[in-house]
Amino acid sequence: MKNKHEGGLVFSTEQGRMCPGCRQPVTACECKNSAPATGDGVVRLSRETKGRKGKGVTLITGIPLAEKELKAYAKTLKAKCGTGGTVKDGVVEIQGDHRDLLLPLLQQKGWTVKKAGG
């Protein structure tokens, strides 16, 4: 566990979000700490309604792309589905249930894709 004095600045009212590694603003990060998350190599498609007042969204987790590439790829996926969505913490959220449409699109990229959940 890190010592209390070794903690890094996370947010600044002047700069916004800060990188804990180099203590620079995330937009000017020198250590490039935003590398893609390494998981088990499987992209998972799931549908969730929790916390969305009954509205369903399709969640895509495990995409092995860096943050900027992930946002650009999410934009193309949203355009293919014809709906809105967002990227939060490396998880792509697309409004509505589009698992059947997204499955072949993700497989075309050469990734192993699994439907998760019901």
Protein backbone atom coordinates (compact mmCIF):
# COMPACT_ATOMS: atom_id res chain seq x y z
CA MET A 1 0.00 0.00 0.00
CA LYS A 2 1.29 3.46 -0.86
CA ASN A 3 2.34 5.83 1.84
CA LYS A 4 0.02 8.80 2.37
CA HIS A 5 2.74 11.22 1.26
CA GLU A 6 3.38 9.36 -2.03
CA GLY A 7 -0.12 10.08 -3.41
CA GLY A 8 -0.49 12.09 -6.60
CA LEU A 9 -2.66 14.98 -7.62
CA VAL A 10 -5.79 13.71 -9.36
CA PHE A 11 -7.69 16.90 -10.18
CA SER A 12 -6.85 20.57 -10.31
CA THR A 13 -9.38 23.37 -10.66
CA GLU A 14 -7.02 25.15 -13.05
CA GLN A 15 -5.86 22.18 -15.16
CA GLY A 16 -8.67 19.61 -14.83
CA ARG A 17 -7.82 15.89 -14.62
CA MET A 18 -4.20 15.16 -13.77
CA CYS A 19 -2.07 12.10 -14.57
CA PRO A 20 -0.95 10.45 -11.30
CA GLY A 21 2.28 9.23 -12.91
CA CYS A 22 3.83 12.43 -14.26
CA ARG A 23 1.54 14.91 -12.45
CA GLN A 24 0.80 16.74 -15.70
CA PRO A 25 -2.67 17.43 -17.16
CA VAL A 26 -4.05 14.34 -18.88
CA THR A 27 -4.08 16.15 -22.22
CA ALA A 28 -0.32 16.84 -21.89
CA CYS A 29 0.66 13.55 -20.20
CA GLU A 30 4.35 12.71 -20.62
CA CYS A 31 4.26 9.14 -19.34
CA LYS A 32 1.38 8.06 -21.65
CA ASN A 33 -0.31 6.23 -18.79
CA SER A 34 -3.43 5.81 -20.95
CA ALA A 35 -2.31 2.53 -22.54
CA PRO A 36 -5.09 0.09 -23.36
CA ALA A 37 -6.14 -2.11 -20.50
CA THR A 38 -4.85 -5.63 -20.79
CA GLY A 39 -7.53 -8.14 -20.01
CA ASP A 40 -8.14 -11.69 -21.08
CA GLY A 41 -8.35 -10.72 -24.76
CA VAL A 42 -12.11 -11.22 -25.04
CA VAL A 43 -14.48 -8.43 -26.04
CA ARG A 44 -17.78 -8.82 -24.18
CA LEU A 45 -21.20 -7.56 -25.28
CA SER A 46 -23.85 -7.19 -22.61
CA ARG A 47 -27.12 -5.39 -22.06
CA GLU A 48 -27.86 -3.46 -18.89
CA THR A 49 -30.73 -1.38 -17.51
CA LYS A 50 -29.51 -0.83 -13.95
CA GLY A 51 -29.44 2.84 -12.93
CA ARG A 52 -30.96 4.03 -16.20
CA LYS A 53 -34.65 4.20 -15.25
CA GLY A 54 -35.47 1.06 -17.25
CA LYS A 55 -33.76 2.20 -20.43
CA GLY A 56 -31.49 -0.49 -21.87
CA VAL A 57 -27.97 0.08 -23.11
CA THR A 58 -25.48 -2.22 -24.80
CA LEU A 59 -22.13 -2.37 -22.99
CA ILE A 60 -18.95 -3.34 -24.83
CA THR A 61 -16.00 -4.15 -22.56
CA GLY A 62 -12.51 -5.40 -23.24
CA ILE A 63 -11.78 -3.57 -26.49
CA PRO A 64 -7.96 -3.46 -26.74
CA LEU A 65 -7.59 0.15 -27.89
CA ALA A 66 -6.13 3.26 -26.28
CA GLU A 67 -8.54 5.97 -25.14
CA LYS A 68 -8.46 8.15 -28.26
CA GLU A 69 -8.79 5.21 -30.64
CA LEU A 70 -11.57 3.77 -28.49
CA LYS A 71 -13.57 6.99 -28.69
CA ALA A 72 -13.14 7.13 -32.47
CA TYR A 73 -14.16 3.48 -32.85
CA ALA A 74 -17.16 4.02 -30.55
CA LYS A 75 -18.26 6.86 -32.80
CA THR A 76 -18.31 4.55 -35.83
CA LEU A 77 -20.23 1.89 -33.86
CA LYS A 78 -22.82 4.45 -32.79
CA ALA A 79 -23.20 5.58 -36.40
CA LYS A 80 -23.74 1.97 -37.56
CA CYS A 81 -26.45 1.52 -34.90
CA GLY A 82 -28.00 4.92 -35.54
CA THR A 83 -28.11 5.77 -31.84
CA GLY A 84 -26.20 7.71 -29.24
CA GLY A 85 -23.79 6.50 -26.63
CA THR A 86 -20.64 7.26 -24.70
CA VAL A 87 -17.31 5.87 -23.50
CA LYS A 88 -16.85 5.64 -19.72
CA ASP A 89 -13.74 4.14 -18.14
CA GLY A 90 -12.90 2.06 -21.20
CA VAL A 91 -16.46 0.72 -21.55
CA VAL A 92 -18.47 1.68 -24.63
CA GLU A 93 -22.15 2.30 -23.89
CA ILE A 94 -24.56 2.35 -26.84
CA GLN A 95 -28.22 3.23 -26.30
CA GLY A 96 -30.61 0.36 -26.97
CA ASP A 97 -30.15 -3.36 -27.48
CA HIS A 98 -27.83 -3.72 -30.49
CA ARG A 99 -25.88 -6.86 -29.55
CA ASP A 100 -26.88 -8.77 -32.70
CA LEU A 101 -25.80 -5.88 -34.93
CA LEU A 102 -22.52 -5.23 -33.09
CA LEU A 103 -21.33 -8.84 -32.85
CA PRO A 104 -20.24 -9.20 -36.53
CA LEU A 105 -18.81 -5.66 -36.58
CA LEU A 106 -16.51 -6.46 -33.67
CA GLN A 107 -15.56 -9.86 -35.11
CA GLN A 108 -14.47 -8.19 -38.37
CA LYS A 109 -11.69 -6.49 -36.40
CA GLY A 110 -10.30 -9.93 -35.51
CA TRP A 111 -11.31 -9.89 -31.85
CA THR A 112 -12.84 -12.77 -29.92
CA VAL A 113 -16.34 -11.58 -29.05
CA LYS A 114 -18.75 -13.12 -26.54
CA LYS A 115 -22.26 -12.19 -25.52
CA ALA A 116 -22.32 -11.79 -21.75
CA GLY A 117 -25.43 -11.95 -19.58
CA GLY A 118 -28.97 -12.88 -20.65
